[in-house]
C-alpha atoms as a PDB file:
ATOM      1  CA  UNK A   1      -0.199   0.140   0.099  1.00  0.00           C
ATOM      2  CA  UNK A   2       2.855   2.396   0.843  1.00  0.00           C
ATOM      3  CA  UNK A   3       4.603   1.530  -2.517  1.00  0.00           C
ATOM      4  CA  UNK A   4       1.288   2.254  -4.431  1.00  0.00           C
ATOM      5  CA  UNK A   5       0.740   5.443  -2.506  1.00  0.00           C
ATOM      6  CA  UNK A   6       4.440   6.594  -3.306  1.00  0.00           C
ATOM      7  CA  UNK A   7       4.311   5.838  -6.819  1.00  0.00           C
ATOM      8  CA  UNK A   8       1.103   7.920  -7.301  1.00  0.00           C
ATOM      9  CA  UNK A   9       2.323  10.514  -5.605  1.00  0.00           C
ATOM     10  CA  UNK A  10       5.685  10.326  -8.218  1.00  0.00           C
ATOM     11  CA  UNK A  11       3.050  10.057 -11.068  1.00  0.00           C
ATOM     12  CA  UNK A  12       1.355  13.213  -9.995  1.00  0.00           C
ATOM     13  CA  UNK A  13       4.354  15.339  -9.498  1.00  0.00           C
ATOM     14  CA  UNK A  14       5.377  14.046 -12.757  1.00  0.00           C
ATOM     15  CA  UNK A  15       2.279  15.181 -14.386  1.00  0.00           C
ATOM     16  CA  UNK A  16       2.404  18.812 -12.923  1.00  0.00           C
ATOM     17  CA  UNK A  17       5.969  19.192 -14.025  1.00  0.00           C
ATOM     18  CA  UNK A  18       5.154  18.132 -17.677  1.00  0.00           C
ATOM     19  CA  UNK A  19       4.257  20.956 -19.949  1.00  0.00           C
ATOM     20  CA  UNK A  20       0.981  19.970 -21.516  1.00  0.00           C
ATOM     21  CA  UNK A  21      -0.830  21.572 -24.373  1.00  0.00           C
ATOM     22  CA  UNK A  22      -2.556  20.976 -27.782  1.00  0.00           C
ATOM     23  CA  UNK A  23      -0.324  22.250 -30.158  1.00  0.00           C
ATOM     24  CA  UNK A  24       2.522  24.317 -28.493  1.00  0.00           C
ATOM     25  CA  UNK A  25       4.961  23.685 -25.373  1.00  0.00           C
ATOM     26  CA  UNK A  26       8.010  24.986 -24.045  1.00  0.00           C
ATOM     27  CA  UNK A  27      10.585  23.012 -21.532  1.00  0.00           C
ATOM     28  CA  UNK A  28      11.461  25.321 -18.881  1.00  0.00           C
ATOM     29  CA  UNK A  29      13.851  24.696 -15.789  1.00  0.00           C
ATOM     30  CA  UNK A  30      10.961  22.885 -13.542  1.00  0.00           C
ATOM     31  CA  UNK A  31      10.489  20.455 -16.409  1.00  0.00           C
ATOM     32  CA  UNK A  32      14.054  19.372 -17.297  1.00  0.00           C
ATOM     33  CA  UNK A  33      15.834  16.707 -15.067  1.00  0.00           C
ATOM     34  CA  UNK A  34      19.572  15.780 -14.696  1.00  0.00           C
ATOM     35  CA  UNK A  35      21.456  12.788 -13.416  1.00  0.00           C
ATOM     36  CA  UNK A  36      25.083  11.587 -13.904  1.00  0.00           C
ATOM     37  CA  UNK A  37      25.601   8.631 -16.202  1.00  0.00           C
ATOM     38  CA  UNK A  38      27.566   5.386 -15.499  1.00  0.00           C
ATOM     39  CA  UNK A  39      30.428   7.329 -17.260  1.00  0.00           C
ATOM     40  CA  UNK A  40      29.698  10.242 -15.085  1.00  0.00           C
ATOM     41  CA  UNK A  41      30.015   8.047 -11.859  1.00  0.00           C
ATOM     42  CA  UNK A  42      33.088   6.334 -13.044  1.00  0.00           C
ATOM     43  CA  UNK A  43      34.940   9.892 -13.641  1.00  0.00           C
ATOM     44  CA  UNK A  44      33.652  10.901 -10.151  1.00  0.00           C
ATOM     45  CA  UNK A  45      35.409   7.694  -8.521  1.00  0.00           C
ATOM     46  CA  UNK A  46      38.635   7.951 -10.654  1.00  0.00           C
ATOM     47  CA  UNK A  47      38.418  11.886  -9.524  1.00  0.00           C
ATOM     48  CA  UNK A  48      38.054  10.923  -5.811  1.00  0.00           C
ATOM     49  CA  UNK A  49      40.964   8.341  -6.049  1.00  0.00           C
ATOM     50  CA  UNK A  50      43.206  10.834  -7.794  1.00  0.00           C
ATOM     51  CA  UNK A  51      42.358  13.551  -5.059  1.00  0.00           C
ATOM     52  CA  UNK A  52      43.244  10.760  -2.229  1.00  0.00           C
ATOM     53  CA  UNK A  53      46.543  10.070  -3.907  1.00  0.00           C
ATOM     54  CA  UNK A  54      47.239  13.409  -4.250  1.00  0.00           C
ATOM     55  CA  UNK A  55      46.567  14.094  -0.673  1.00  0.00           C
ATOM     56  CA  UNK A  56      48.628  11.281   0.731  1.00  0.00           C
ATOM     57  CA  UNK A  57      51.914  11.986  -1.378  1.00  0.00           C
ATOM     58  CA  UNK A  58      51.382  15.879  -1.492  1.00  0.00           C
ATOM     59  CA  UNK A  59      51.620  15.754  -5.243  1.00  0.00           C
ATOM     60  CA  UNK A  60      50.795  19.456  -6.673  1.00  0.00           C
ATOM     61  CA  UNK A  61      50.432  18.374 -10.355  1.00  0.00           C
ATOM     62  CA  UNK A  62      47.851  15.837  -9.011  1.00  0.00           C
ATOM     63  CA  UNK A  63      45.700  18.440  -7.395  1.00  0.00           C
ATOM     64  CA  UNK A  64      45.975  20.600 -11.086  1.00  0.00           C
ATOM     65  CA  UNK A  65      44.842  17.332 -12.771  1.00  0.00           C
ATOM     66  CA  UNK A  66      42.115  16.670 -10.362  1.00  0.00           C
ATOM     67  CA  UNK A  67      40.648  19.916 -10.007  1.00  0.00           C
ATOM     68  CA  UNK A  68      40.621  20.616 -13.963  1.00  0.00           C
ATOM     69  CA  UNK A  69      39.133  17.482 -14.638  1.00  0.00           C
ATOM     70  CA  UNK A  70      36.489  17.974 -12.112  1.00  0.00           C
ATOM     71  CA  UNK A  71      35.736  21.598 -13.394  1.00  0.00           C
ATOM     72  CA  UNK A  72      35.393  20.062 -16.874  1.00  0.00           C
ATOM     73  CA  UNK A  73      32.662  18.001 -15.569  1.00  0.00           C
ATOM     74  CA  UNK A  74      30.971  20.734 -13.924  1.00  0.00           C
ATOM     75  CA  UNK A  75      31.363  22.657 -17.508  1.00  0.00           C
ATOM     76  CA  UNK A  76      29.761  19.673 -19.025  1.00  0.00           C
ATOM     77  CA  UNK A  77      26.938  19.242 -16.805  1.00  0.00           C
ATOM     78  CA  UNK A  78      25.941  22.882 -17.722  1.00  0.00           C
ATOM     79  CA  UNK A  79      26.220  22.326 -21.611  1.00  0.00           C
ATOM     80  CA  UNK A  80      24.019  19.193 -21.052  1.00  0.00           C
ATOM     81  CA  UNK A  81      21.490  21.068 -19.279  1.00  0.00           C
ATOM     82  CA  UNK A  82      21.420  23.911 -21.587  1.00  0.00           C
ATOM     83  CA  UNK A  83      20.686  21.713 -24.475  1.00  0.00           C
ATOM     84  CA  UNK A  84      17.003  21.228 -23.501  1.00  0.00           C
ATOM     85  CA  UNK A  85      16.455  24.404 -21.775  1.00  0.00           C
ATOM     86  CA  UNK A  86      13.652  26.655 -23.263  1.00  0.00           C
ATOM     87  CA  UNK A  87      13.106  24.772 -26.283  1.00  0.00           C
ATOM     88  CA  UNK A  88       9.941  25.387 -27.966  1.00  0.00           C
ATOM     89  CA  UNK A  89       8.139  22.352 -29.720  1.00  0.00           C
ATOM     90  CA  UNK A  90       5.173  22.555 -31.706  1.00  0.00           C
ATOM     91  CA  UNK A  91       2.812  19.760 -33.143  1.00  0.00           C
ATOM     92  CA  UNK A  92       1.523  20.144 -36.694  1.00  0.00           C
ATOM     93  CA  UNK A  93      -1.790  18.974 -37.992  1.00  0.00           C
ATOM     94  CA  UNK A  94      -1.987  15.609 -39.328  1.00  0.00           C
ATOM     95  CA  UNK A  95      -4.328  14.122 -41.699  1.00  0.00           C
ATOM     96  CA  UNK A  96      -6.768  10.873 -40.638  1.00  0.00           C
ATOM     97  CA  UNK A  97      -5.374   7.476 -41.779  1.00  0.00           C
ATOM     98  CA  UNK A  98      -6.530   4.194 -42.267  1.00  0.00           C
ATOM     99  CA  UNK A  99      -5.894   1.327 -39.502  1.00  0.00           C
ATOM    100  CA  UNK A 100      -2.944  -0.673 -40.273  1.00  0.00           C
ATOM    101  CA  UNK A 101      -1.358   2.457 -41.942  1.00  0.00           C
ATOM    102  CA  UNK A 102       1.607   4.620 -40.744  1.00  0.00           C
ATOM    103  CA  UNK A 103       0.593   7.654 -38.990  1.00  0.00           C
ATOM    104  CA  UNK A 104       3.054  10.493 -39.164  1.00  0.00           C
ATOM    105  CA  UNK A 105       3.655  13.139 -36.387  1.00  0.00           C
ATOM    106  CA  UNK A 106       5.271  16.436 -37.547  1.00  0.00           C
ATOM    107  CA  UNK A 107       6.781  18.510 -34.946  1.00  0.00           C
ATOM    108  CA  UNK A 108       8.470  21.909 -35.267  1.00  0.00           C
ATOM    109  CA  UNK A 109      11.321  22.849 -32.873  1.00  0.00           C
ATOM    110  CA  UNK A 110      12.866  26.000 -32.353  1.00  0.00           C
ATOM    111  CA  UNK A 111      15.236  27.548 -29.606  1.00  0.00           C
ATOM    112  CA  UNK A 112      15.170  31.111 -29.144  1.00  0.00           C
ATOM    113  CA  UNK A 113      19.037  31.204 -27.673  1.00  0.00           C
ATOM    114  CA  UNK A 114      21.919  31.498 -29.944  1.00  0.00           C
ATOM    115  CA  UNK A 115      23.920  28.397 -29.229  1.00  0.00           C
ATOM    116  CA  UNK A 116      23.963  25.102 -30.737  1.00  0.00           C
ATOM    117  CA  UNK A 117      21.739  21.991 -29.267  1.00  0.00           C
ATOM    118  CA  UNK A 118      22.174  18.316 -29.496  1.00  0.00           C
ATOM    119  CA  UNK A 119      19.595  16.028 -28.182  1.00  0.00           C
ATOM    120  CA  UNK A 120      17.200  13.170 -29.024  1.00  0.00           C
ATOM    121  CA  UNK A 121      13.603  12.779 -29.263  1.00  0.00           C
ATOM    122  CA  UNK A 122      11.355  10.051 -29.069  1.00  0.00           C
ATOM    123  CA  UNK A 123       7.789   8.605 -27.783  1.00  0.00           C
ATOM    124  CA  UNK A 124       6.954   6.885 -24.413  1.00  0.00           C
ATOM    125  CA  UNK A 125       8.043   3.418 -25.399  1.00  0.00           C
ATOM    126  CA  UNK A 126       5.917   2.247 -22.397  1.00  0.00           C
ATOM    127  CA  UNK A 127       2.797   3.277 -24.183  1.00  0.00           C
ATOM    128  CA  UNK A 128       3.917   2.963 -27.932  1.00  0.00           C
ATOM    129  CA  UNK A 129       5.072  -0.016 -29.515  1.00  0.00           C
ATOM    130  CA  UNK A 130       8.241   1.871 -30.931  1.00  0.00           C
ATOM    131  CA  UNK A 131      11.484   2.476 -30.197  1.00  0.00           C
ATOM    132  CA  UNK A 132      12.110   5.092 -32.588  1.00  0.00           C
ATOM    133  CA  UNK A 133      14.123   8.440 -31.651  1.00  0.00           C
ATOM    134  CA  UNK A 134      15.606  10.904 -33.703  1.00  0.00           C
ATOM    135  CA  UNK A 135      18.787  12.693 -33.141  1.00  0.00           C
ATOM    136  CA  UNK A 136      18.354  16.566 -33.714  1.00  0.00           C
ATOM    137  CA  UNK A 137      21.142  19.207 -34.167  1.00  0.00           C
ATOM    138  CA  UNK A 138      19.786  22.992 -33.649  1.00  0.00           C
ATOM    139  CA  UNK A 139      22.400  25.416 -34.990  1.00  0.00           C
ATOM    140  CA  UNK A 140      21.896  28.715 -33.199  1.00  0.00           C
ATOM    141  CA  UNK A 141      17.882  29.878 -33.490  1.00  0.00           C
ATOM    142  CA  UNK A 142      16.893  27.618 -36.552  1.00  0.00           C
ATOM    143  CA  UNK A 143      13.503  25.710 -36.767  1.00  0.00           C
ATOM    144  CA  UNK A 144      14.045  22.069 -37.095  1.00  0.00           C
ATOM    145  CA  UNK A 145      10.841  19.977 -38.936  1.00  0.00           C
ATOM    146  CA  UNK A 146      10.867  16.269 -37.489  1.00  0.00           C
ATOM    147  CA  UNK A 147       8.275  13.264 -38.255  1.00  0.00           C
ATOM    148  CA  UNK A 148       7.639  10.525 -35.776  1.00  0.00           C
ATOM    149  CA  UNK A 149       5.847   7.779 -37.324  1.00  0.00           C
ATOM    150  CA  UNK A 150       3.871   4.898 -35.857  1.00  0.00           C
ATOM    151  CA  UNK A 151       1.979   2.076 -37.124  1.00  0.00           C
ATOM    152  CA  UNK A 152      -1.705   2.048 -36.092  1.00  0.00           C
ATOM    153  CA  UNK A 153      -3.285  -1.043 -35.141  1.00  0.00           C
ATOM    154  CA  UNK A 154      -7.075   0.015 -34.425  1.00  0.00           C
ATOM    155  CA  UNK A 155      -9.561   2.484 -35.268  1.00  0.00           C
ATOM    156  CA  UNK A 156     -10.605   5.366 -33.349  1.00  0.00           C
ATOM    157  CA  UNK A 157      -8.467   8.287 -31.942  1.00  0.00           C
ATOM    158  CA  UNK A 158      -4.915   7.785 -31.796  1.00  0.00           C
ATOM    159  CA  UNK A 159      -2.962   9.619 -29.280  1.00  0.00           C
ATOM    160  CA  UNK A 160       0.579  11.005 -29.380  1.00  0.00           C
ATOM    161  CA  UNK A 161       0.966  10.905 -25.467  1.00  0.00           C
ATOM    162  CA  UNK A 162       4.033  11.968 -23.974  1.00  0.00           C
ATOM    163  CA  UNK A 163       7.306  12.636 -25.510  1.00  0.00           C
ATOM    164  CA  UNK A 164      10.732  12.424 -24.086  1.00  0.00           C
ATOM    165  CA  UNK A 165      13.671  14.614 -24.927  1.00  0.00           C
ATOM    166  CA  UNK A 166      17.183  13.788 -23.746  1.00  0.00           C
ATOM    167  CA  UNK A 167      20.909  14.745 -24.467  1.00  0.00           C
ATOM    168  CA  UNK A 168      24.054  13.624 -23.346  1.00  0.00           C
ATOM    169  CA  UNK A 169      26.189  16.053 -25.078  1.00  0.00           C
ATOM    170  CA  UNK A 170      28.994  17.148 -24.618  1.00  0.00           C
ATOM    171  CA  UNK A 171      30.686  14.201 -22.725  1.00  0.00           C
ATOM    172  CA  UNK A 172      28.222  12.031 -22.044  1.00  0.00           C
ATOM    173  CA  UNK A 173      28.737  12.344 -18.127  1.00  0.00           C
ATOM    174  CA  UNK A 174      25.211  13.634 -17.641  1.00  0.00           C
ATOM    175  CA  UNK A 175      21.716  12.439 -18.799  1.00  0.00           C
ATOM    176  CA  UNK A 176      19.505  15.141 -18.894  1.00  0.00           C
ATOM    177  CA  UNK A 177      15.620  14.621 -20.158  1.00  0.00           C
ATOM    178  CA  UNK A 178      12.457  16.306 -19.994  1.00  0.00           C
ATOM    179  CA  UNK A 179       8.811  15.213 -20.796  1.00  0.00           C
ATOM    180  CA  UNK A 180       6.371  17.073 -23.225  1.00  0.00           C
ATOM    181  CA  UNK A 181       2.699  15.903 -23.639  1.00  0.00           C
ATOM    182  CA  UNK A 182       0.751  16.802 -26.807  1.00  0.00           C
ATOM    183  CA  UNK A 183      -3.154  16.282 -26.716  1.00  0.00           C
ATOM    184  CA  UNK A 184      -3.168  16.097 -30.635  1.00  0.00           C
ATOM    185  CA  UNK A 185      -5.279  13.180 -31.715  1.00  0.00           C
ATOM    186  CA  UNK A 186      -5.407  11.487 -35.289  1.00  0.00           C
ATOM    187  CA  UNK A 187      -8.472   9.895 -36.259  1.00  0.00           C
ATOM    188  CA  UNK A 188      -7.789   6.152 -37.687  1.00  0.00           C
ATOM    189  CA  UNK A 189     -10.438   4.947 -39.998  1.00  0.00           C
ATOM    190  CA  UNK A 190     -11.248   1.460 -40.186  1.00  0.00           C
ATOM    191  CA  UNK A 191      -9.045  -0.949 -42.405  1.00  0.00           C
ATOM    192  CA  UNK A 192     -10.720  -1.403 -45.631  1.00  0.00           C
ATOM    193  CA  UNK A 193     -11.613  -4.806 -46.321  1.00  0.00           C
ATOM    194  CA  UNK A 194     -13.743  -6.341 -49.333  1.00  0.00           C
ATOM    195  CA  UNK A 195     -15.477  -9.798 -48.234  1.00  0.00           C
ATOM    196  CA  UNK A 196     -17.062 -10.243 -51.743  1.00  0.00           C
ATOM    197  CA  UNK A 197     -20.491  -8.927 -50.758  1.00  0.00           C
ATOM    198  CA  UNK A 198     -22.977  -6.799 -52.502  1.00  0.00           C
ATOM    199  CA  UNK A 199     -24.514  -3.633 -50.985  1.00  0.00           C
ATOM    200  CA  UNK A 200     -28.140  -2.714 -51.689  1.00  0.00           C
ATOM    201  CA  UNK A 201     -29.602  -0.503 -53.858  1.00  0.00           C
ATOM    202  CA  UNK A 202     -32.929   1.114 -54.020  1.00  0.00           C
ATOM    203  CA  UNK A 203     -34.329  -1.495 -55.692  1.00  0.00           C
ATOM    204  CA  UNK A 204     -33.736  -3.817 -52.953  1.00  0.00           C
ATOM    205  CA  UNK A 205     -35.190  -1.841 -50.384  1.00  0.00           C
ATOM    206  CA  UNK A 206     -38.617  -1.305 -52.617  1.00  0.00           C
ATOM    207  CA  UNK A 207     -38.650  -4.961 -52.675  1.00  0.00           C
ATOM    208  CA  UNK A 208     -36.892  -6.210 -55.846  1.00  0.00           C
ATOM    209  CA  UNK A 209     -34.858  -9.402 -55.263  1.00  0.00           C
ATOM    210  CA  UNK A 210     -32.112  -8.573 -57.855  1.00  0.00           C
ATOM    211  CA  UNK A 211     -29.299  -7.102 -56.359  1.00  0.00           C
ATOM    212  CA  UNK A 212     -27.305  -4.744 -58.576  1.00  0.00           C
ATOM    213  CA  UNK A 213     -23.871  -3.069 -58.338  1.00  0.00           C
ATOM    214  CA  UNK A 214     -24.081   0.342 -60.072  1.00  0.00           C
ATOM    215  CA  UNK A 215     -20.828   1.814 -61.300  1.00  0.00           C
ATOM    216  CA  UNK A 216     -18.973  -0.491 -63.466  1.00  0.00           C
ATOM    217  CA  UNK A 217     -20.663   0.112 -67.002  1.00  0.00           C
ATOM    218  CA  UNK A 218     -19.291   2.889 -68.607  1.00  0.00           C
ATOM    219  CA  UNK A 219     -15.306   3.892 -68.293  1.00  0.00           C
ATOM    220  CA  UNK A 220     -15.713   7.438 -67.107  1.00  0.00           C
ATOM    221  CA  UNK A 221     -11.782   8.381 -66.841  1.00  0.00           C
ATOM    222  CA  UNK A 222      -8.939   7.981 -64.229  1.00  0.00           C
ATOM    223  CA  UNK A 223      -8.308   9.496 -60.722  1.00  0.00           C
ATOM    224  CA  UNK A 224      -5.958   9.273 -57.999  1.00  0.00           C
ATOM    225  CA  UNK A 225      -5.156   6.032 -56.356  1.00  0.00           C
ATOM    226  CA  UNK A 226      -7.086   6.002 -52.785  1.00  0.00           C
ATOM    227  CA  UNK A 227      -6.728   3.282 -50.077  1.00  0.00           C
ATOM    228  CA  UNK A 228      -9.367   0.751 -50.604  1.00  0.00           C
ATOM    229  CA  UNK A 229      -9.287   0.518 -54.142  1.00  0.00           C
ATOM    230  CA  UNK A 230      -9.287  -2.707 -55.998  1.00  0.00           C
ATOM    231  CA  UNK A 231      -6.373  -3.995 -57.644  1.00  0.00           C
ATOM    232  CA  UNK A 232      -8.399  -4.763 -60.516  1.00  0.00           C
ATOM    233  CA  UNK A 233      -9.209  -1.319 -61.259  1.00  0.00           C
ATOM    234  CA  UNK A 234      -5.642   0.296 -61.068  1.00  0.00           C
ATOM    235  CA  UNK A 235      -4.546   1.670 -64.395  1.00  0.00           C
ATOM    236  CA  UNK A 236      -1.146   0.015 -64.702  1.00  0.00           C
ATOM    237  CA  UNK A 237      -0.331   1.363 -68.251  1.00  0.00           C
ATOM    238  CA  UNK A 238      -0.023   4.678 -66.440  1.00  0.00           C
ATOM    239  CA  UNK A 239       2.245   3.407 -63.572  1.00  0.00           C
ATOM    240  CA  UNK A 240       4.512   1.601 -66.277  1.00  0.00           C
ATOM    241  CA  UNK A 241       4.772   4.943 -67.917  1.00  0.00           C
ATOM    242  CA  UNK A 242       6.544   6.522 -64.943  1.00  0.00           C
ATOM    243  CA  UNK A 243       3.110   8.296 -63.867  1.00  0.00           C
ATOM    244  CA  UNK A 244       1.475   8.385 -60.659  1.00  0.00           C
ATOM    245  CA  UNK A 245      -0.512   5.465 -59.294  1.00  0.00           C
ATOM    246  CA  UNK A 246      -4.166   6.004 -60.765  1.00  0.00           C
ATOM    247  CA  UNK A 247      -7.411   4.051 -60.371  1.00  0.00           C
ATOM    248  CA  UNK A 248     -10.265   3.295 -63.372  1.00  0.00           C
ATOM    249  CA  UNK A 249     -13.649   5.220 -62.376  1.00  0.00           C
ATOM    250  CA  UNK A 250     -16.716   3.804 -64.040  1.00  0.00           C
ATOM    251  CA  UNK A 251     -20.301   5.292 -64.334  1.00  0.00           C
ATOM    252  CA  UNK A 252     -23.737   4.285 -65.195  1.00  0.00           C
ATOM    253  CA  UNK A 253     -26.170   5.885 -67.352  1.00  0.00           C
ATOM    254  CA  UNK A 254     -28.856   5.117 -64.801  1.00  0.00           C
ATOM    255  CA  UNK A 255     -27.255   5.288 -61.878  1.00  0.00           C
ATOM    256  CA  UNK A 256     -29.278   4.228 -58.578  1.00  0.00           C
ATOM    257  CA  UNK A 257     -28.577   5.065 -54.924  1.00  0.00           C
ATOM    258  CA  UNK A 258     -26.750   2.688 -53.267  1.00  0.00           C
ATOM    259  CA  UNK A 259     -27.333   1.921 -49.453  1.00  0.00           C
ATOM    260  CA  UNK A 260     -24.567   0.540 -47.328  1.00  0.00           C
ATOM    261  CA  UNK A 261     -26.570  -1.396 -44.898  1.00  0.00           C
ATOM    262  CA  UNK A 262     -25.339  -2.889 -41.575  1.00  0.00           C
ATOM    263  CA  UNK A 263     -27.954  -5.398 -41.696  1.00  0.00           C
ATOM    264  CA  UNK A 264     -26.817  -6.756 -45.255  1.00  0.00           C
ATOM    265  CA  UNK A 265     -23.540  -7.518 -43.407  1.00  0.00           C
ATOM    266  CA  UNK A 266     -24.903 -10.467 -40.728  1.00  0.00           C
ATOM    267  CA  UNK A 267     -22.223 -13.010 -41.651  1.00  0.00           C
ATOM    268  CA  UNK A 268     -19.630 -10.847 -40.549  1.00  0.00           C
ATOM    269  CA  UNK A 269     -18.314  -9.803 -37.121  1.00  0.00           C
ATOM    270  CA  UNK A 270     -18.319  -6.355 -35.614  1.00  0.00           C
ATOM    271  CA  UNK A 271     -14.957  -5.078 -36.896  1.00  0.00           C
ATOM    272  CA  UNK A 272     -15.225  -6.822 -40.220  1.00  0.00           C
ATOM    273  CA  UNK A 273     -18.382  -5.234 -40.902  1.00  0.00           C
ATOM    274  CA  UNK A 274     -16.980  -1.548 -40.642  1.00  0.00           C
ATOM    275  CA  UNK A 275     -14.104  -2.798 -42.786  1.00  0.00           C
ATOM    276  CA  UNK A 276     -16.317  -3.802 -45.429  1.00  0.00           C
ATOM    277  CA  UNK A 277     -18.487  -0.690 -44.981  1.00  0.00           C
ATOM    278  CA  UNK A 278     -15.398   1.380 -45.248  1.00  0.00           C
ATOM    279  CA  UNK A 279     -14.400  -0.264 -48.387  1.00  0.00           C
ATOM    280  CA  UNK A 280     -17.620   0.386 -50.133  1.00  0.00           C
ATOM    281  CA  UNK A 281     -17.440   4.004 -49.217  1.00  0.00           C
ATOM    282  CA  UNK A 282     -14.151   4.501 -50.483  1.00  0.00           C
ATOM    283  CA  UNK A 283     -15.242   2.334 -53.974  1.00  0.00           C
ATOM    284  CA  UNK A 284     -18.530   4.330 -54.634  1.00  0.00           C
ATOM    285  CA  UNK A 285     -16.860   8.037 -53.426  1.00  0.00           C
ATOM    286  CA  UNK A 286     -13.960   7.237 -56.189  1.00  0.00           C
ATOM    287  CA  UNK A 287     -17.002   5.959 -58.675  1.00  0.00           C
ATOM    288  CA  UNK A 288     -18.693   9.094 -58.381  1.00  0.00           C
ATOM    289  CA  UNK A 289     -21.873   7.265 -57.239  1.00  0.00           C
ATOM    290  CA  UNK A 290     -24.148   8.464 -54.458  1.00  0.00           C
ATOM    291  CA  UNK A 291     -24.314   6.318 -51.692  1.00  0.00           C
ATOM    292  CA  UNK A 292     -26.065   6.198 -48.280  1.00  0.00           C
ATOM    293  CA  UNK A 293     -25.385   4.715 -44.702  1.00  0.00           C
ATOM    294  CA  UNK A 294     -27.354   2.949 -42.797  1.00  0.00           C
ATOM    295  CA  UNK A 295     -26.271   1.913 -39.287  1.00  0.00           C
ATOM    296  CA  UNK A 296     -28.254   0.826 -36.201  1.00  0.00           C
ATOM    297  CA  UNK A 297     -29.860   3.793 -35.052  1.00  0.00           C
ATOM    298  CA  UNK A 298     -28.255   6.089 -37.261  1.00  0.00           C
ATOM    299  CA  UNK A 299     -29.089   7.117 -41.144  1.00  0.00           C
ATOM    300  CA  UNK A 300     -26.963   9.045 -43.615  1.00  0.00           C
ATOM    301  CA  UNK A 301     -28.637  10.121 -46.472  1.00  0.00           C
ATOM    302  CA  UNK A 302     -27.082   9.301 -50.097  1.00  0.00           C
ATOM    303  CA  UNK A 303     -24.534  12.089 -51.061  1.00  0.00           C
ATOM    304  CA  UNK A 304     -21.434  11.924 -53.056  1.00  0.00           C
ATOM    305  CA  UNK A 305     -18.846  14.524 -52.167  1.00  0.00           C
ATOM    306  CA  UNK A 306     -15.626  15.164 -50.106  1.00  0.00           C
ATOM    307  CA  UNK A 307     -17.664  16.432 -46.778  1.00  0.00           C
ATOM    308  CA  UNK A 308     -20.137  13.252 -47.119  1.00  0.00           C
ATOM    309  CA  UNK A 309     -17.132  10.772 -47.304  1.00  0.00           C
ATOM    310  CA  UNK A 310     -15.564  12.233 -44.451  1.00  0.00           C
ATOM    311  CA  UNK A 311     -18.322  12.443 -42.317  1.00  0.00           C
ATOM    312  CA  UNK A 312     -19.204   8.460 -42.941  1.00  0.00           C
ATOM    313  CA  UNK A 313     -15.703   7.563 -42.529  1.00  0.00           C
ATOM    314  CA  UNK A 314     -15.544   9.497 -39.195  1.00  0.00           C
ATOM    315  CA  UNK A 315     -18.468   7.662 -38.109  1.00  0.00           C
ATOM    316  CA  UNK A 316     -17.402   4.363 -38.783  1.00  0.00           C
ATOM    317  CA  UNK A 317     -14.017   5.324 -36.856  1.00  0.00           C
ATOM    318  CA  UNK A 318     -15.914   6.395 -34.039  1.00  0.00           C
ATOM    319  CA  UNK A 319     -18.468   3.456 -33.783  1.00  0.00           C
ATOM    320  CA  UNK A 320     -18.861   1.988 -30.336  1.00  0.00           C
ATOM    321  CA  UNK A 321     -16.721  -0.951 -29.621  1.00  0.00           C
ATOM    322  CA  UNK A 322     -17.916  -4.370 -28.879  1.00  0.00           C
ATOM    323  CA  UNK A 323     -16.710  -5.622 -25.579  1.00  0.00           C
END
C-alpha cells in the first residue's frame, strides 16, 4: 500500500511538471531533469581516487589535474542541461489514416537562444510499440521540422501522448531529459477490406430481389488512387509510364442510389462489418456514385462529395467497440 501511494504521488508530481498543451509547449527549468550517467559516476570515482593520492603523497600536479577534470565535468553538466533549456516544440496538423497504415506526427522545434543544441526526441515506449527516436542538431536559433512515425493497429482516436527529449552532449557524463505531453489526436479509420459482398440498391429496399452493383458499366476516366481501391481497377499502364498511381473510374447511365446497410452484413463480425463498409465508401466515392449509410440507430442520406465521404468515415471510425 505504501509503495502504491508513493508511486501515485510521484506520478502526480511528474504530471504537474510535464508541460502539456494541444499544439505548443516549452521546456522550462522545472520540467528538465539531470543525473550522472555510468560514465559520470566512474569519472567521479576516478577523481576521488586521484584526490586521495594527491593528498597522501602531496603531489601538486595531482591537485591541478584533479580539479581541472572536476571543473570540466561541471562545465559539461551545464552544457548538457542547456541543450533542452527553453526549447519550443509545436505539433503540426496531421491527416487521418486507415488502420494498419503509418501515422506521421510532424513537429517543429525551435530555440530562441543563439547556441547549438544536441539532443534526441522519441515517444514514451511504455505506451507505444516503438523505439524510434530522432537525433536533432539545432544550430543557433533555426527551426527544425521532424517526423515521428507509428503504425496504427485499431480504429478510433490515436493519441501521441508523452514525448521524451534527452541529451548526453558534450561528454556523456550527465543525462538530462524532459517530458512534453501533446494532446493532439489523429483519427484512424477502419481498415478497408472487401469480403466479396454486395451492397443494397434502391430497388432492393423497394422489394426487388435482384441485387445490382452500380458503377461498372461505362469508363469515366482516371482518378488518383485511394486506399481501399480494388487492384483490378488500377491503371497499370499509366504506372508503367512513370506516372502517378491511378484508378479507373466507371459510371452508369442510369445510376441508382446505393445503400451501405449494416444489416446486409450479418455473416461478418463487428469489426469486419466496419471494414467492409469502409471499403464500399471508398469505392463508390471514387466511382462518383451516390451512396447512403444505414447503421443501427443512425442513417446518413445518399450523397457523393468530400464532406459526405469524411463524415461517413468518421462515423465508422468512432463507432462503439464491442466488449
